Amino acid sequence: MGTLKHPLVEDRVIFGEGTAKEQWLKAFKEQPLAALDLELFRSKRVVIVAPHPDDEVLGCGGLMQQLIALNCKILVLAVSNGTQSHPNSTKYSLDQLNILRPQESLAALNCLGVAESTERVELNLLDGQIHLQTDQLRQSLDKLVQADDILICSYEFDGHPDHEAVGKTVQAYATAKQLLCLHVLIWAWHWAEPLDPRIDWHRAKAFSLTQEQLTKKHQAILQFKTQLEADESTGNAAVLSPSAINRLLMPYEVYLSDSFSRVL
């Protein structure tokens, strides 16, 4: 993992191996988070807004399985096709990634066992430039989101500029429409530390995965082959390092929302 630094993300820099999974497990054992209320979701439609194909699984791969048991429908909005994951690569061209990354996402949904209850829509905004296309994202939300939907998106301070642009835009839309919006942590697990004051832990709730859900989530993550392999043509390491994957396979997923005080 190299350094992902962008002026938009300030001090939330993705660098090196990041905070070890064991540190997070120890911290949450000492100070457990309250549980996410699953009854909120029963028989609802849940719209997961993923900046790139894989973020829906990395962030919500456990909860998505649970949603099916709660008779939910799922709509995944892939904001971009993740075509900038391999800059200057001859191993994966932009055109190849434009095809491969959505295919990997579909294969992952099959591994989770949620494909039949999940609709997937590609918005085709430019990877790496989502902060310049928030009007287009808002227009797509207006067309696709329904009055009783629950929204899930990347955290508005996740440390990746695309994730943060999506989080801020979806939260603003949800606030305007008075919809429940949950933010899932993905890259924040890398740059943050336990009890890090840059994260609003008071808004956090945990969804605990069963061992079966965790195993399926792992199998699903393994479908993102373009993100798991080093790029020999550029010398770049895998986008998702073994430590990053390990960290995303904690036995719980953490969701934050401005609405917890009212409805959770």
C-alpha atoms as a PDB file:
ATOM      1  CA  MET A   1       0.000   0.000   0.000  1.00  0.00           C
ATOM      2  CA  GLY A   2       1.456   3.343  -1.030  1.00  0.00           C
ATOM      3  CA  THR A   3       0.352   6.727   0.228  1.00  0.00           C
ATOM      4  CA  LEU A   4      -3.050   8.059  -0.743  1.00  0.00           C
ATOM      5  CA  LYS A   5      -2.904  11.754   0.074  1.00  0.00           C
ATOM      6  CA  HIS A   6      -5.204  14.401  -1.330  1.00  0.00           C
ATOM      7  CA  PRO A   7      -5.803  17.978  -0.163  1.00  0.00           C
ATOM      8  CA  LEU A   8      -9.496  17.224   0.242  1.00  0.00           C
ATOM      9  CA  VAL A   9      -8.880  14.625   2.954  1.00  0.00           C
ATOM     10  CA  GLU A  10      -6.595  16.800   5.119  1.00  0.00           C
ATOM     11  CA  ASP A  11      -4.931  14.636   7.799  1.00  0.00           C
ATOM     12  CA  ARG A  12      -6.834  11.437   6.994  1.00  0.00           C
ATOM     13  CA  VAL A  13      -3.949   9.896   5.045  1.00  0.00           C
ATOM     14  CA  ILE A  14      -3.860   6.275   3.904  1.00  0.00           C
ATOM     15  CA  PHE A  15      -0.216   5.271   4.343  1.00  0.00           C
ATOM     16  CA  GLY A  16       1.774   2.109   4.998  1.00  0.00           C
ATOM     17  CA  GLU A  17       0.095  -0.861   6.654  1.00  0.00           C
ATOM     18  CA  GLY A  18      -2.183   1.212   8.867  1.00  0.00           C
ATOM     19  CA  THR A  19      -3.617   0.364  12.274  1.00  0.00           C
ATOM     20  CA  ALA A  20      -3.505  -3.367  13.003  1.00  0.00           C
ATOM     21  CA  LYS A  21      -6.723  -5.342  13.234  1.00  0.00           C
ATOM     22  CA  GLU A  22      -5.665  -6.541  16.702  1.00  0.00           C
ATOM     23  CA  GLN A  23      -5.630  -2.961  17.997  1.00  0.00           C
ATOM     24  CA  TRP A  24      -9.229  -2.456  16.903  1.00  0.00           C
ATOM     25  CA  LEU A  25     -10.371  -5.770  18.367  1.00  0.00           C
ATOM     26  CA  LYS A  26      -8.734  -4.945  21.699  1.00  0.00           C
ATOM     27  CA  ALA A  27     -10.267  -1.475  21.796  1.00  0.00           C
ATOM     28  CA  PHE A  28     -13.800  -2.665  21.064  1.00  0.00           C
ATOM     29  CA  LYS A  29     -13.460  -5.483  23.590  1.00  0.00           C
ATOM     30  CA  GLU A  30     -12.609  -2.899  26.236  1.00  0.00           C
ATOM     31  CA  GLN A  31     -15.241  -0.401  25.078  1.00  0.00           C
ATOM     32  CA  PRO A  32     -17.934  -2.244  23.089  1.00  0.00           C
ATOM     33  CA  LEU A  33     -20.142  -0.335  20.685  1.00  0.00           C
ATOM     34  CA  ALA A  34     -23.913  -0.605  20.972  1.00  0.00           C
ATOM     35  CA  ALA A  35     -25.592  -2.896  18.456  1.00  0.00           C
ATOM     36  CA  LEU A  36     -27.201  -1.722  15.226  1.00  0.00           C
ATOM     37  CA  ASP A  37     -30.988  -2.133  15.428  1.00  0.00           C
ATOM     38  CA  LEU A  38     -31.765  -4.531  12.599  1.00  0.00           C
ATOM     39  CA  GLU A  39     -35.530  -4.107  12.929  1.00  0.00           C
ATOM     40  CA  LEU A  40     -35.150  -0.706  11.274  1.00  0.00           C
ATOM     41  CA  PHE A  41     -34.444  -2.492   8.012  1.00  0.00           C
ATOM     42  CA  ARG A  42     -37.185  -5.118   7.984  1.00  0.00           C
ATOM     43  CA  SER A  43     -38.973  -5.240   4.607  1.00  0.00           C
ATOM     44  CA  LYS A  44     -37.384  -1.960   3.509  1.00  0.00           C
ATOM     45  CA  ARG A  45     -35.370  -1.221   0.403  1.00  0.00           C
ATOM     46  CA  VAL A  46     -31.766  -0.392   1.217  1.00  0.00           C
ATOM     47  CA  VAL A  47     -29.768   1.722  -1.231  1.00  0.00           C
ATOM     48  CA  ILE A  48     -26.005   1.225  -0.914  1.00  0.00           C
ATOM     49  CA  VAL A  49     -24.056   3.996  -2.647  1.00  0.00           C
ATOM     50  CA  ALA A  50     -20.574   2.642  -3.460  1.00  0.00           C
ATOM     51  CA  PRO A  51     -17.890   5.022  -4.758  1.00  0.00           C
ATOM     52  CA  HIS A  52     -16.176   2.119  -6.563  1.00  0.00           C
ATOM     53  CA  PRO A  53     -17.147  -1.480  -7.417  1.00  0.00           C
ATOM     54  CA  ASP A  54     -16.102  -3.364  -4.251  1.00  0.00           C
ATOM     55  CA  ASP A  55     -16.942  -0.738  -1.613  1.00  0.00           C
ATOM     56  CA  GLU A  56     -20.417  -2.216  -1.120  1.00  0.00           C
ATOM     57  CA  VAL A  57     -18.820  -5.556  -0.187  1.00  0.00           C
ATOM     58  CA  LEU A  58     -15.803  -4.226   1.737  1.00  0.00           C
ATOM     59  CA  GLY A  59     -18.089  -2.089   3.854  1.00  0.00           C
ATOM     60  CA  CYS A  60     -21.410  -3.932   3.987  1.00  0.00           C
ATOM     61  CA  GLY A  61     -20.747  -7.535   2.937  1.00  0.00           C
ATOM     62  CA  GLY A  62     -22.006  -8.858   6.244  1.00  0.00           C
ATOM     63  CA  LEU A  63     -25.049  -6.622   6.607  1.00  0.00           C
ATOM     64  CA  MET A  64     -26.120  -7.290   3.008  1.00  0.00           C
ATOM     65  CA  GLN A  65     -26.499 -10.975   3.866  1.00  0.00           C
ATOM     66  CA  GLN A  66     -28.568 -10.096   6.932  1.00  0.00           C
ATOM     67  CA  LEU A  67     -30.800  -7.771   4.917  1.00  0.00           C
ATOM     68  CA  ILE A  68     -31.976 -10.682   2.781  1.00  0.00           C
ATOM     69  CA  ALA A  69     -33.078 -12.495   5.950  1.00  0.00           C
ATOM     70  CA  LEU A  70     -35.031  -9.339   6.863  1.00  0.00           C
ATOM     71  CA  ASN A  71     -36.957  -9.465   3.567  1.00  0.00           C
ATOM     72  CA  CYS A  72     -35.177  -6.396   2.198  1.00  0.00           C
ATOM     73  CA  LYS A  73     -34.493  -5.438  -1.370  1.00  0.00           C
ATOM     74  CA  ILE A  74     -31.074  -3.965  -2.081  1.00  0.00           C
ATOM     75  CA  LEU A  75     -30.105  -1.390  -4.695  1.00  0.00           C
ATOM     76  CA  VAL A  76     -26.354  -0.915  -5.187  1.00  0.00           C
ATOM     77  CA  LEU A  77     -25.412   2.328  -6.911  1.00  0.00           C
ATOM     78  CA  ALA A  78     -21.876   2.030  -8.300  1.00  0.00           C
ATOM     79  CA  VAL A  79     -20.928   5.696  -8.552  1.00  0.00           C
ATOM     80  CA  SER A  80     -17.836   4.985 -10.670  1.00  0.00           C
ATOM     81  CA  ASN A  81     -16.422   1.866 -12.319  1.00  0.00           C
ATOM     82  CA  GLY A  82     -13.104   2.253 -10.526  1.00  0.00           C
ATOM     83  CA  THR A  83     -11.084   2.708 -13.698  1.00  0.00           C
ATOM     84  CA  GLN A  84      -8.323   4.749 -12.011  1.00  0.00           C
ATOM     85  CA  SER A  85      -7.180   1.944  -9.696  1.00  0.00           C
ATOM     86  CA  HIS A  86      -4.166   1.140 -11.913  1.00  0.00           C
ATOM     87  CA  PRO A  87      -2.704   4.389 -13.300  1.00  0.00           C
ATOM     88  CA  ASN A  88      -0.170   4.003 -16.134  1.00  0.00           C
ATOM     89  CA  SER A  89      -0.679   0.230 -16.107  1.00  0.00           C
ATOM     90  CA  THR A  90      -0.201  -2.020 -19.102  1.00  0.00           C
ATOM     91  CA  LYS A  91      -1.603  -4.938 -17.102  1.00  0.00           C
ATOM     92  CA  TYR A  92      -5.032  -3.342 -16.783  1.00  0.00           C
ATOM     93  CA  SER A  93      -6.100  -0.612 -19.186  1.00  0.00           C
ATOM     94  CA  LEU A  94      -8.954   1.800 -18.442  1.00  0.00           C
ATOM     95  CA  ASP A  95     -11.168  -0.046 -20.904  1.00  0.00           C
ATOM     96  CA  GLN A  96     -10.381  -3.398 -19.279  1.00  0.00           C
ATOM     97  CA  LEU A  97     -11.072  -2.080 -15.778  1.00  0.00           C
ATOM     98  CA  ASN A  98     -14.338  -0.566 -16.982  1.00  0.00           C
ATOM     99  CA  ILE A  99     -15.485  -4.111 -17.788  1.00  0.00           C
ATOM    100  CA  LEU A 100     -13.650  -6.157 -15.151  1.00  0.00           C
ATOM    101  CA  ARG A 101     -14.481  -4.216 -12.021  1.00  0.00           C
ATOM    102  CA  PRO A 102     -18.295  -4.370 -12.437  1.00  0.00           C
ATOM    103  CA  GLN A 103     -17.934  -8.081 -13.277  1.00  0.00           C
ATOM    104  CA  GLU A 104     -16.003  -8.604 -10.039  1.00  0.00           C
ATOM    105  CA  SER A 105     -18.749  -6.828  -8.122  1.00  0.00           C
ATOM    106  CA  LEU A 106     -21.416  -9.105  -9.584  1.00  0.00           C
ATOM    107  CA  ALA A 107     -19.333 -12.197  -8.775  1.00  0.00           C
ATOM    108  CA  ALA A 108     -18.959 -10.952  -5.190  1.00  0.00           C
ATOM    109  CA  LEU A 109     -22.720 -10.457  -4.806  1.00  0.00           C
ATOM    110  CA  ASN A 110     -23.171 -14.057  -5.923  1.00  0.00           C
ATOM    111  CA  CYS A 111     -20.694 -15.212  -3.276  1.00  0.00           C
ATOM    112  CA  LEU A 112     -22.678 -13.341  -0.633  1.00  0.00           C
ATOM    113  CA  GLY A 113     -25.859 -15.051  -1.816  1.00  0.00           C
ATOM    114  CA  VAL A 114     -27.633 -11.718  -2.333  1.00  0.00           C
ATOM    115  CA  ALA A 115     -27.559 -11.351  -6.125  1.00  0.00           C
ATOM    116  CA  GLU A 116     -31.203 -12.325  -6.681  1.00  0.00           C
ATOM    117  CA  SER A 117     -32.454  -9.658  -4.276  1.00  0.00           C
ATOM    118  CA  THR A 118     -30.008  -6.989  -5.410  1.00  0.00           C
ATOM    119  CA  GLU A 119     -30.328  -4.548  -8.280  1.00  0.00           C
ATOM    120  CA  ARG A 120     -27.094  -2.906  -9.423  1.00  0.00           C
ATOM    121  CA  VAL A 121     -26.957   0.410 -11.282  1.00  0.00           C
ATOM    122  CA  GLU A 122     -23.778   1.958 -12.707  1.00  0.00           C
ATOM    123  CA  LEU A 123     -23.739   5.762 -12.594  1.00  0.00           C
ATOM    124  CA  ASN A 124     -20.462   5.956 -14.576  1.00  0.00           C
ATOM    125  CA  LEU A 125     -19.040   9.053 -12.913  1.00  0.00           C
ATOM    126  CA  LEU A 126     -15.287   9.553 -13.282  1.00  0.00           C
ATOM    127  CA  ASP A 127     -13.210   7.618 -10.771  1.00  0.00           C
ATOM    128  CA  GLY A 128     -11.027   9.993  -8.759  1.00  0.00           C
ATOM    129  CA  GLN A 129     -13.145  13.007  -9.741  1.00  0.00           C
ATOM    130  CA  ILE A 130     -16.382  12.402  -7.867  1.00  0.00           C
ATOM    131  CA  HIS A 131     -15.927  15.600  -5.842  1.00  0.00           C
ATOM    132  CA  LEU A 132     -16.325  17.489  -9.143  1.00  0.00           C
ATOM    133  CA  GLN A 133     -19.484  15.558 -10.102  1.00  0.00           C
ATOM    134  CA  THR A 134     -21.633  15.807  -7.005  1.00  0.00           C
ATOM    135  CA  ASP A 135     -24.440  17.511  -8.959  1.00  0.00           C
ATOM    136  CA  GLN A 136     -24.661  14.471 -11.249  1.00  0.00           C
ATOM    137  CA  LEU A 137     -24.678  12.164  -8.227  1.00  0.00           C
ATOM    138  CA  ARG A 138     -27.457  14.183  -6.621  1.00  0.00           C
ATOM    139  CA  GLN A 139     -29.507  14.038  -9.835  1.00  0.00           C
ATOM    140  CA  SER A 140     -29.097  10.248  -9.949  1.00  0.00           C
ATOM    141  CA  LEU A 141     -30.247   9.954  -6.338  1.00  0.00           C
ATOM    142  CA  ASP A 142     -33.313  12.034  -7.189  1.00  0.00           C
ATOM    143  CA  LYS A 143     -34.211   9.608  -9.971  1.00  0.00           C
ATOM    144  CA  LEU A 144     -33.498   6.351  -8.167  1.00  0.00           C
ATOM    145  CA  VAL A 145     -34.169   6.766  -4.437  1.00  0.00           C
ATOM    146  CA  GLN A 146     -37.695   6.220  -3.142  1.00  0.00           C
ATOM    147  CA  ALA A 147     -39.494   7.806  -0.204  1.00  0.00           C
ATOM    148  CA  ASP A 148     -39.053   4.959   2.321  1.00  0.00           C
ATOM    149  CA  ASP A 149     -35.547   3.859   1.357  1.00  0.00           C
ATOM    150  CA  ILE A 150     -32.691   3.566   3.833  1.00  0.00           C
ATOM    151  CA  LEU A 151     -29.390   4.878   2.474  1.00  0.00           C
ATOM    152  CA  ILE A 152     -25.938   3.466   3.211  1.00  0.00           C
ATOM    153  CA  CYS A 153     -22.801   5.140   1.882  1.00  0.00           C
ATOM    154  CA  SER A 154     -19.101   5.564   2.540  1.00  0.00           C
ATOM    155  CA  TYR A 155     -18.187   7.677   5.562  1.00  0.00           C
ATOM    156  CA  GLU A 156     -17.959  11.399   4.837  1.00  0.00           C
ATOM    157  CA  PHE A 157     -14.508  11.448   6.528  1.00  0.00           C
ATOM    158  CA  ASP A 158     -13.225   8.069   5.299  1.00  0.00           C
ATOM    159  CA  GLY A 159      -9.849   9.325   4.044  1.00  0.00           C
ATOM    160  CA  HIS A 160     -10.375   8.668   0.306  1.00  0.00           C
ATOM    161  CA  PRO A 161     -11.594  11.718  -1.659  1.00  0.00           C
ATOM    162  CA  ASP A 162     -14.161   9.719  -3.649  1.00  0.00           C
ATOM    163  CA  HIS A 163     -15.506   8.103  -0.477  1.00  0.00           C
ATOM    164  CA  GLU A 164     -15.777  11.467   1.241  1.00  0.00           C
ATOM    165  CA  ALA A 165     -17.480  13.149  -1.728  1.00  0.00           C
ATOM    166  CA  VAL A 166     -20.049  10.343  -1.862  1.00  0.00           C
ATOM    167  CA  GLY A 167     -20.597  10.461   1.907  1.00  0.00           C
ATOM    168  CA  LYS A 168     -21.151  14.214   1.999  1.00  0.00           C
ATOM    169  CA  THR A 169     -23.429  14.223  -1.057  1.00  0.00           C
ATOM    170  CA  VAL A 170     -25.582  11.300   0.072  1.00  0.00           C
ATOM    171  CA  GLN A 171     -25.882  12.711   3.602  1.00  0.00           C
ATOM    172  CA  ALA A 172     -26.987  16.098   2.251  1.00  0.00           C
ATOM    173  CA  TYR A 173     -29.555  14.382   0.045  1.00  0.00           C
ATOM    174  CA  ALA A 174     -30.825  12.229   2.925  1.00  0.00           C
ATOM    175  CA  THR A 175     -31.125  15.252   5.199  1.00  0.00           C
ATOM    176  CA  ALA A 176     -33.110  17.165   2.573  1.00  0.00           C
ATOM    177  CA  LYS A 177     -35.436  14.196   2.000  1.00  0.00           C
ATOM    178  CA  GLN A 178     -35.587  13.201   5.705  1.00  0.00           C
ATOM    179  CA  LEU A 179     -34.255   9.714   5.019  1.00  0.00           C
ATOM    180  CA  LEU A 180     -32.154   7.586   7.340  1.00  0.00           C
ATOM    181  CA  CYS A 181     -28.540   7.555   6.120  1.00  0.00           C
ATOM    182  CA  LEU A 182     -25.869   5.271   7.541  1.00  0.00           C
ATOM    183  CA  HIS A 183     -22.162   5.734   6.850  1.00  0.00           C
ATOM    184  CA  VAL A 184     -19.905   2.681   6.790  1.00  0.00           C
ATOM    185  CA  LEU A 185     -16.209   2.810   7.650  1.00  0.00           C
ATOM    186  CA  ILE A 186     -13.817   1.377   5.039  1.00  0.00           C
ATOM    187  CA  TRP A 187     -10.476   3.228   4.761  1.00  0.00           C
ATOM    188  CA  ALA A 188     -10.944   4.873   8.157  1.00  0.00           C
ATOM    189  CA  TRP A 189      -9.903   1.554   9.720  1.00  0.00           C
ATOM    190  CA  HIS A 190      -6.525   2.090   8.045  1.00  0.00           C
ATOM    191  CA  TRP A 191      -5.596   5.666   8.987  1.00  0.00           C
ATOM    192  CA  ALA A 192      -7.492   6.068  12.263  1.00  0.00           C
ATOM    193  CA  GLU A 193      -6.635   4.667  15.689  1.00  0.00           C
ATOM    194  CA  PRO A 194      -8.945   3.385  18.428  1.00  0.00           C
ATOM    195  CA  LEU A 195     -10.950   6.271  19.938  1.00  0.00           C
ATOM    196  CA  ASP A 196      -9.516   8.564  17.245  1.00  0.00           C
ATOM    197  CA  PRO A 197     -11.174  11.978  17.799  1.00  0.00           C
ATOM    198  CA  ARG A 198     -11.482  12.489  14.028  1.00  0.00           C
ATOM    199  CA  ILE A 199     -14.299   9.908  13.974  1.00  0.00           C
ATOM    200  CA  ASP A 200     -17.698  10.518  15.571  1.00  0.00           C
ATOM    201  CA  TRP A 201     -17.751   7.356  17.676  1.00  0.00           C
ATOM    202  CA  HIS A 202     -20.811   8.586  19.567  1.00  0.00           C
ATOM    203  CA  ARG A 203     -22.753   8.064  16.324  1.00  0.00           C
ATOM    204  CA  ALA A 204     -21.426   4.530  15.826  1.00  0.00           C
ATOM    205  CA  LYS A 205     -23.310   1.236  16.030  1.00  0.00           C
ATOM    206  CA  ALA A 206     -21.908  -2.220  15.349  1.00  0.00           C
ATOM    207  CA  PHE A 207     -23.367  -5.062  13.318  1.00  0.00           C
ATOM    208  CA  SER A 208     -21.899  -8.380  14.468  1.00  0.00           C
ATOM    209  CA  LEU A 209     -21.339 -10.963  11.736  1.00  0.00           C
ATOM    210  CA  THR A 210     -21.853 -14.666  12.208  1.00  0.00           C
ATOM    211  CA  GLN A 211     -18.967 -16.916  11.211  1.00  0.00           C
ATOM    212  CA  GLU A 212     -20.880 -17.935   8.078  1.00  0.00           C
ATOM    213  CA  GLN A 213     -21.432 -14.298   7.113  1.00  0.00           C
ATOM    214  CA  LEU A 214     -17.765 -13.537   7.709  1.00  0.00           C
ATOM    215  CA  THR A 215     -16.682 -16.508   5.578  1.00  0.00           C
ATOM    216  CA  LYS A 216     -18.946 -15.457   2.708  1.00  0.00           C
ATOM    217  CA  LYS A 217     -17.709 -11.878   2.970  1.00  0.00           C
ATOM    218  CA  HIS A 218     -14.135 -13.154   2.681  1.00  0.00           C
ATOM    219  CA  GLN A 219     -15.036 -15.259  -0.368  1.00  0.00           C
ATOM    220  CA  ALA A 220     -16.719 -12.220  -1.912  1.00  0.00           C
ATOM    221  CA  ILE A 221     -13.680  -9.978  -1.348  1.00  0.00           C
ATOM    222  CA  LEU A 222     -11.520 -12.566  -3.107  1.00  0.00           C
ATOM    223  CA  GLN A 223     -13.531 -11.935  -6.300  1.00  0.00           C
ATOM    224  CA  PHE A 224     -11.921  -8.494  -6.678  1.00  0.00           C
ATOM    225  CA  LYS A 225      -8.842  -9.916  -8.366  1.00  0.00           C
ATOM    226  CA  THR A 226      -7.816  -6.635  -9.989  1.00  0.00           C
ATOM    227  CA  GLN A 227      -7.504  -5.125  -6.509  1.00  0.00           C
ATOM    228  CA  LEU A 228      -5.730  -8.092  -4.900  1.00  0.00           C
ATOM    229  CA  GLU A 229      -2.810  -8.532  -7.307  1.00  0.00           C
ATOM    230  CA  ALA A 230       0.396  -6.501  -7.564  1.00  0.00           C
ATOM    231  CA  ASP A 231       0.874  -4.731 -10.890  1.00  0.00           C
ATOM    232  CA  GLU A 232       4.123  -5.915 -12.444  1.00  0.00           C
ATOM    233  CA  SER A 233       3.863  -3.335 -15.212  1.00  0.00           C
ATOM    234  CA  THR A 234       4.156  -0.397 -12.800  1.00  0.00           C
ATOM    235  CA  GLY A 235       5.738  -2.019  -9.750  1.00  0.00           C
ATOM    236  CA  ASN A 236       2.756  -0.995  -7.641  1.00  0.00           C
ATOM    237  CA  ALA A 237       1.585  -3.214  -4.807  1.00  0.00           C
ATOM    238  CA  ALA A 238      -1.963  -4.543  -4.654  1.00  0.00           C
ATOM    239  CA  VAL A 239      -4.607  -1.906  -3.937  1.00  0.00           C
ATOM    240  CA  LEU A 240      -5.970  -4.158  -1.179  1.00  0.00           C
ATOM    241  CA  SER A 241      -3.040  -5.530   0.824  1.00  0.00           C
ATOM    242  CA  PRO A 242      -3.410  -8.667   2.959  1.00  0.00           C
ATOM    243  CA  SER A 243      -3.461  -6.500   6.094  1.00  0.00           C
ATOM    244  CA  ALA A 244      -6.202  -4.280   4.624  1.00  0.00           C
ATOM    245  CA  ILE A 245      -8.331  -7.319   3.810  1.00  0.00           C
ATOM    246  CA  ASN A 246      -7.717  -8.793   7.244  1.00  0.00           C
ATOM    247  CA  ARG A 247      -8.808  -5.541   8.854  1.00  0.00           C
ATOM    248  CA  LEU A 248     -11.987  -5.423   6.767  1.00  0.00           C
ATOM    249  CA  LEU A 249     -12.806  -8.924   7.992  1.00  0.00           C
ATOM    250  CA  MET A 250     -13.330  -7.906  11.585  1.00  0.00           C
ATOM    251  CA  PRO A 251     -16.285  -9.716  13.177  1.00  0.00           C
ATOM    252  CA  TYR A 252     -18.392  -6.561  12.964  1.00  0.00           C
ATOM    253  CA  GLU A 253     -19.139  -3.694  10.627  1.00  0.00           C
ATOM    254  CA  VAL A 254     -19.516  -0.208  12.058  1.00  0.00           C
ATOM    255  CA  TYR A 255     -22.138   2.258  10.849  1.00  0.00           C
ATOM    256  CA  LEU A 256     -22.545   5.923  11.768  1.00  0.00           C
ATOM    257  CA  SER A 257     -25.528   8.201  11.320  1.00  0.00           C
ATOM    258  CA  ASP A 258     -26.696  11.692  12.193  1.00  0.00           C
ATOM    259  CA  SER A 259     -30.117  10.130  12.778  1.00  0.00           C
ATOM    260  CA  PHE A 260     -29.186   7.676  15.530  1.00  0.00           C
ATOM    261  CA  SER A 261     -30.391  10.005  18.259  1.00  0.00           C
ATOM    262  CA  ARG A 262     -33.837  10.083  16.699  1.00  0.00           C
ATOM    263  CA  VAL A 263     -34.477   6.618  15.359  1.00  0.00           C
ATOM    264  CA  LEU A 264     -31.866   4.067  16.484  1.00  0.00           C
END
